[in-house]
Protein backbone atom coordinates (compact mmCIF):
# COMPACT_ATOMS: atom_id res chain seq x y z
CA MET A 1 2.34 -18.83 -0.02
CA LEU A 2 1.66 -16.49 2.86
CA ASP A 3 4.14 -16.66 5.71
CA LEU A 4 3.95 -14.08 7.95
CA LYS A 5 6.40 -15.63 10.65
CA SER A 6 8.94 -15.29 7.99
CA HIS A 7 7.99 -11.86 7.23
CA ASP A 8 8.31 -10.80 11.00
CA ASN A 9 11.68 -12.74 10.94
CA LEU A 10 12.81 -10.76 7.97
CA LEU A 11 11.85 -7.50 9.57
CA ASN A 12 13.81 -8.32 12.83
CA GLU A 13 16.85 -9.15 10.72
CA LEU A 14 16.46 -5.63 8.83
CA ARG A 15 16.28 -3.79 12.13
CA GLU A 16 19.43 -5.73 13.57
CA ARG A 17 21.38 -5.14 10.16
CA ASP A 18 20.11 -1.06 10.04
CA PRO A 19 18.84 0.39 13.25
CA GLU A 20 17.72 3.27 11.76
CA SER A 21 15.08 1.54 9.41
CA VAL A 22 11.56 2.34 9.52
CA LEU A 23 9.44 -1.08 9.61
CA ASP A 24 6.34 -1.87 7.56
CA GLY A 25 4.21 -4.59 6.47
CA PRO A 26 0.78 -5.84 7.60
CA VAL A 27 -0.70 -3.25 9.95
CA VAL A 28 -2.22 -5.65 12.32
CA THR A 29 -0.80 -9.39 11.42
CA GLU A 30 -3.85 -11.22 12.50
CA LEU A 31 -6.32 -8.86 10.67
CA TYR A 32 -4.36 -9.32 7.42
CA ALA A 33 -3.91 -12.94 7.62
CA LEU A 34 -8.17 -13.35 8.08
CA ALA A 35 -8.98 -10.60 5.02
CA PRO A 36 -10.73 -12.62 2.33
CA THR A 37 -8.89 -10.57 -0.04
CA ARG A 38 -5.19 -9.46 0.99
CA ILE A 39 -4.31 -5.94 -0.12
CA LEU A 40 -0.75 -4.79 -0.11
CA TRP A 41 0.09 -1.06 -0.86
CA ILE A 42 3.65 -0.20 -2.02
CA LEU A 43 4.73 3.43 -1.11
CA ARG A 44 7.69 5.64 -2.08
CA GLU A 45 9.36 6.17 1.44
CA PRO A 46 8.25 6.98 5.03
CA ASN A 47 8.11 10.59 5.98
CA GLY A 48 10.49 11.16 8.90
CA VAL A 49 13.70 9.42 9.90
CA GLY A 50 13.97 6.00 11.58
CA PRO A 51 13.88 4.09 13.71
CA TRP A 52 10.12 3.75 14.25
CA ASP A 53 7.44 1.45 12.83
CA LEU A 54 4.81 2.64 10.23
CA ARG A 55 2.84 -0.33 11.09
CA GLU A 56 2.14 0.91 14.82
CA SER A 57 1.23 4.70 13.38
CA LEU A 58 -1.37 3.52 11.03
CA ALA A 59 -2.99 0.86 13.57
CA ASP A 60 -3.42 3.58 16.15
CA PHE A 61 -5.63 6.63 15.38
CA ARG A 62 -3.90 8.67 18.03
CA LYS A 63 -0.45 8.13 16.89
CA LEU A 64 -1.74 8.63 13.25
CA SER A 65 -3.44 12.11 14.01
CA SER A 66 -0.22 13.30 16.05
CA TYR A 67 0.87 14.38 12.91
CA SER A 68 -0.87 17.39 11.72
CA LYS A 69 -0.55 16.45 7.85
CA TRP A 70 -1.68 12.88 8.25
CA GLN A 71 -4.63 13.04 5.67
CA ALA A 72 -2.28 14.06 3.05
CA THR A 73 -1.38 10.42 2.28
CA SER A 74 -2.99 8.31 4.98
CA GLY A 75 -6.37 10.07 4.34
CA LEU A 76 -6.71 8.61 0.88
CA LEU A 77 -5.15 5.13 1.97
CA ALA A 78 -7.83 4.80 4.63
CA ARG A 79 -10.84 5.55 2.22
CA VAL A 80 -9.61 3.31 -0.61
CA SER A 81 -8.51 0.91 1.87
CA HIS A 82 -11.94 0.97 3.49
CA GLY A 83 -13.63 0.52 -0.12
CA LEU A 84 -11.62 -2.43 -0.93
CA VAL A 85 -12.21 -4.27 2.31
CA SER A 86 -15.72 -3.66 2.25
CA GLY A 87 -16.35 -5.27 -1.12
CA LEU A 88 -15.82 -2.10 -3.57
CA PRO A 89 -19.08 -0.18 -2.52
CA ARG A 90 -19.96 2.87 -4.72
CA TRP A 91 -18.57 5.95 -3.21
CA GLY A 92 -20.92 7.61 -1.05
CA ALA A 93 -21.28 9.17 2.63
CA TRP A 94 -19.13 6.50 4.11
CA ALA A 95 -16.21 8.27 2.65
CA ASP A 96 -17.17 11.77 3.88
CA GLU A 97 -14.88 11.64 7.00
CA ALA A 98 -11.50 9.91 6.52
CA GLN A 99 -11.09 9.42 10.23
CA ASN A 100 -14.04 6.82 9.90
CA CYS A 101 -12.13 5.04 7.37
CA VAL A 102 -8.93 4.72 9.41
CA PRO A 103 -9.94 1.35 11.04
CA ALA A 104 -9.85 -0.34 7.64
CA LEU A 105 -6.08 0.37 7.53
CA ARG A 106 -5.49 -2.51 10.38
CA SER A 107 -6.42 -5.02 7.64
CA VAL A 108 -4.19 -4.16 4.98
CA ALA A 109 -0.36 -4.43 4.50
CA VAL A 110 1.84 -1.18 3.81
CA ILE A 111 5.35 -1.35 2.84
CA ASN A 112 7.72 1.46 1.26
CA ILE A 113 10.62 1.40 -1.51
CA ASN A 114 12.99 3.28 1.02
CA LYS A 115 13.16 1.58 4.44
CA HIS A 116 15.06 4.75 5.46
CA GLY A 117 12.83 8.05 6.30
CA GLY A 118 12.50 10.42 3.52
CA LYS A 119 12.06 14.08 3.86
CA GLU A 120 8.99 16.05 2.74
CA ARG A 121 10.24 16.47 -0.67
CA VAL A 122 11.23 13.33 -2.62
CA GLU A 123 14.95 13.25 -3.49
CA TRP A 124 14.67 10.99 -6.69
CA ASN A 125 18.24 9.91 -7.04
CA LYS A 126 18.38 8.57 -3.21
CA LEU A 127 15.04 7.03 -3.89
CA PHE A 128 16.26 5.15 -6.85
CA GLU A 129 19.31 4.17 -4.81
CA ALA A 130 17.30 2.80 -2.04
CA SER A 131 15.31 0.75 -4.50
CA ARG A 132 18.27 -1.30 -5.53
CA LYS A 133 19.69 -1.13 -1.97
CA PHE A 134 16.60 -2.82 -0.59
CA GLU A 135 15.37 -4.79 -3.90
CA ASP A 136 15.92 -8.10 -2.44
CA LEU A 137 14.35 -7.45 0.87
CA LEU A 138 10.99 -5.86 -1.26
CA GLU A 139 10.99 -8.88 -3.48
CA ARG A 140 10.77 -11.34 -0.25
CA GLN A 141 8.05 -9.26 1.33
CA ILE A 142 5.67 -9.14 -1.50
CA GLU A 143 6.42 -13.02 -1.85
CA MET A 144 5.70 -13.72 1.94
CA LEU A 145 2.75 -11.25 2.16
CA ASP A 146 1.30 -13.20 -0.91
CA PRO A 147 -1.28 -10.41 -1.56
CA HIS A 148 -4.38 -10.96 -3.91
CA VAL A 149 -4.29 -7.09 -4.71
CA VAL A 150 -1.14 -4.89 -5.05
CA ILE A 151 -1.31 -1.16 -5.42
CA PHE A 152 1.84 0.12 -6.23
CA THR A 153 1.94 4.09 -6.23
CA CYS A 154 5.71 4.53 -7.38
CA GLY A 155 7.52 4.23 -10.83
CA PRO A 156 7.64 0.73 -11.98
CA ASN A 157 11.44 1.38 -12.42
CA LEU A 158 11.39 1.57 -8.52
CA LEU A 159 10.04 -2.31 -8.18
CA PRO A 160 12.40 -5.21 -7.77
CA THR A 161 13.93 -6.12 -11.17
CA ALA A 162 12.42 -9.63 -11.07
CA VAL A 163 9.14 -8.30 -10.20
CA ARG A 164 9.24 -5.77 -13.06
CA ASN A 165 10.01 -8.13 -15.60
CA ARG A 166 7.12 -10.29 -15.00
CA LEU A 167 4.44 -7.30 -15.32
CA CYS A 168 3.56 -5.32 -18.72
CA ASP A 169 4.49 -1.87 -19.58
CA PHE A 170 3.09 0.12 -16.81
CA SER A 171 5.14 3.38 -18.16
CA ASP A 172 2.03 5.29 -19.22
CA SER A 173 0.35 7.66 -16.62
CA GLY A 174 -2.84 7.01 -14.81
CA CYS A 175 -4.18 3.83 -13.36
CA ALA A 176 -3.36 0.59 -14.94
CA VAL A 177 -4.20 -3.20 -14.11
CA GLN A 178 -2.66 -6.41 -14.75
CA ARG A 179 -3.29 -9.94 -13.35
CA GLU A 180 -0.52 -12.04 -12.61
CA GLY A 181 -1.45 -15.42 -11.37
CA THR A 182 -3.64 -14.71 -8.53
CA THR A 183 -2.60 -11.28 -7.76
CA VAL A 184 -4.08 -8.28 -9.46
CA TRP A 185 -1.44 -5.25 -9.92
CA ILE A 186 -2.58 -1.67 -9.96
CA ARG A 187 -0.28 0.99 -10.76
CA ALA A 188 -2.09 4.20 -9.30
CA TYR A 189 -0.88 7.79 -8.26
CA HIS A 190 0.76 8.19 -4.96
CA PRO A 191 -1.62 8.99 -2.19
CA ASN A 192 -0.45 12.44 -1.57
CA GLN A 193 -0.88 13.60 -5.24
CA ARG A 194 -3.31 16.24 -5.99
CA THR A 195 -4.17 15.60 -9.56
CA ILE A 196 -7.39 13.95 -9.07
CA SER A 197 -9.87 13.83 -6.13
CA HIS A 198 -10.11 11.06 -3.50
CA GLU A 199 -13.26 9.98 -5.06
CA GLU A 200 -11.75 9.77 -8.61
CA TYR A 201 -8.64 7.71 -7.21
CA TYR A 202 -11.16 5.21 -5.61
CA GLU A 203 -13.15 4.80 -8.59
CA GLN A 204 -10.31 4.31 -10.93
CA VAL A 205 -9.08 1.38 -8.37
CA ARG A 206 -12.69 0.17 -8.38
CA LYS A 207 -13.07 -0.27 -12.06
CA ALA A 208 -9.67 -1.67 -12.41
CA LEU A 209 -10.54 -4.47 -9.96
CA MET A 210 -14.18 -4.93 -11.34
CA SER A 211 -12.52 -5.56 -14.91
CA CYS A 212 -10.83 -8.40 -13.02
CA ASP A 213 -13.80 -9.82 -11.49
CA LEU A 214 -12.14 -9.78 -8.13
CA PHE A 215 -15.44 -8.59 -6.48
CA PRO A 216 -18.49 -10.08 -8.13
CA GLY A 217 -21.52 -7.97 -7.93
CA CYS A 218 -19.71 -4.79 -6.62
CA GLU A 219 -21.67 -2.60 -9.26
CA GLU A 220 -24.84 -2.99 -7.19
CA ARG A 221 -22.98 -2.11 -3.87
CA ASP A 222 -23.92 1.31 -2.28
CA ALA A 223 -22.40 1.11 1.11
CA PRO A 224 -20.00 -1.22 3.29
């Protein structure tokens, strides 16, 4: 059940316990609560040491664009999120400029496995240690945010154990989808990947959601 007040309390407890943490969650709480389809991204770790608030950076384009490489990760997040909150239209001119898609981020939630800042290159051993350290917190975040769609862009081994045990084998590479109760789980590449284009990434997510009938009629939609 959606419980954003408890989620706020959870983050306050984290900051009190760990003053260097990077906070995350619904970018704009009110918009996430009102979204007909609640979307949660699970990323690996924030770029840069804490304390700071990822939500503030994603909500304000001036802050987001102050980082010269913002499009490396957030550009794809913005394009895919725009498509999802707009009912999964076909890829088109709406996706030409990532900046025009950034407002869609205000309606989604984004959380990281590691609540501490990471470096430009992932240190995998430390990331796995962080996944165990913050495991209970992550599980509670997912429960309180009660998403309809979860796009996790980390290895399944980094997810909380209880969550991982409920999902099927996501070990193969590429995009995969599974419905668990009222939630659709999609395993996808990390947004900073260079394996496929943003268009192909979006189409993989789009097809995965179409297979679950979560967005009826989206095959015919050409634009938001």
